[in-house]
Amino acid sequence: MGRRRRGAGAETYYEYRTFTIPRSVSRGDARRLLTDEAEYGRWELARTRVYLGGNRKVWLRRKAMRVESTL
């Protein structure tokens, strides 16, 4: 579920969540769904793909908290 992205300094880990939105869902409803996820779950849009039939697949990501044991 998590992926690493190497950059300058510390490593950043992301969690990914995938949505498949059928073509019957309007653009406004899809936008509302993604806005709610972004606002309340702290997700950001990572990738969107539109298929020939009109279905949409959306990947959301957020930074994962890496907790190290202090014991």
Protein backbone atom coordinates (compact mmCIF):
# COMPACT_ATOMS: atom_id res chain seq x y z
CA MET A 1 0.00 0.00 0.00
CA GLY A 2 2.83 2.41 0.68
CA ARG A 3 5.48 3.49 -1.76
CA ARG A 4 8.72 5.29 -1.22
CA ARG A 5 9.80 8.37 -3.06
CA ARG A 6 13.43 9.28 -2.82
CA GLY A 7 14.27 12.92 -2.54
CA ALA A 8 16.77 15.15 -0.86
CA GLY A 9 16.90 14.16 2.77
CA ALA A 10 14.35 11.91 4.45
CA GLU A 11 12.33 9.33 2.58
CA THR A 12 8.66 10.06 2.01
CA TYR A 13 6.10 7.27 2.20
CA TYR A 14 2.66 7.47 0.61
CA GLU A 15 -0.53 5.49 1.05
CA TYR A 16 -2.61 5.01 -2.09
CA ARG A 17 -6.35 4.58 -2.47
CA THR A 18 -8.04 3.70 -5.76
CA PHE A 19 -11.55 4.58 -6.91
CA THR A 20 -13.28 3.28 -10.01
CA ILE A 21 -16.04 5.65 -11.05
CA PRO A 22 -18.58 4.30 -13.56
CA ARG A 23 -19.59 6.38 -16.56
CA SER A 24 -23.11 6.77 -15.16
CA VAL A 25 -21.77 9.06 -12.40
CA SER A 26 -21.82 12.71 -13.41
CA ARG A 27 -18.71 14.87 -13.29
CA GLY A 28 -20.21 16.94 -10.50
CA ASP A 29 -20.92 13.88 -8.34
CA ALA A 30 -17.43 12.50 -8.98
CA ARG A 31 -15.90 15.86 -8.06
CA ARG A 32 -17.98 15.99 -4.87
CA LEU A 33 -16.81 12.47 -3.89
CA LEU A 34 -13.16 13.32 -4.47
CA THR A 35 -13.47 16.67 -2.71
CA ASP A 36 -14.93 14.99 0.38
CA GLU A 37 -12.11 12.45 0.43
CA ALA A 38 -9.50 15.19 0.07
CA GLU A 39 -11.01 17.42 2.71
CA TYR A 40 -11.78 14.88 5.43
CA GLY A 41 -9.22 12.16 4.73
CA ARG A 42 -6.30 14.41 3.72
CA TRP A 43 -5.99 12.69 0.35
CA GLU A 44 -4.61 14.38 -2.76
CA LEU A 45 -5.10 13.49 -6.39
CA ALA A 46 -2.18 11.42 -7.70
CA ARG A 47 -3.44 10.11 -11.05
CA THR A 48 -6.58 9.90 -13.18
CA ARG A 49 -7.25 7.60 -16.10
CA VAL A 50 -10.31 7.64 -18.39
CA TYR A 51 -11.08 4.42 -20.27
CA LEU A 52 -12.77 3.98 -23.65
CA GLY A 53 -16.14 3.05 -22.17
CA GLY A 54 -16.19 6.23 -20.09
CA ASN A 55 -15.20 4.65 -16.78
CA ARG A 56 -12.69 6.62 -14.70
CA LYS A 57 -10.05 5.27 -12.38
CA VAL A 58 -8.65 7.68 -9.81
CA TRP A 59 -5.66 7.23 -7.54
CA LEU A 60 -5.48 9.31 -4.36
CA ARG A 61 -2.44 9.51 -2.13
CA ARG A 62 -1.46 10.87 1.27
CA LYS A 63 1.69 10.90 3.29
CA ALA A 64 1.99 7.92 5.59
CA MET A 65 3.11 8.44 9.14
CA ARG A 66 6.18 6.35 9.90
CA VAL A 67 6.25 5.76 13.65
CA GLU A 68 9.45 4.47 15.20
CA SER A 69 9.45 2.69 18.52
CA THR A 70 11.01 4.62 21.41
CA LEU A 71 11.41 1.56 23.62
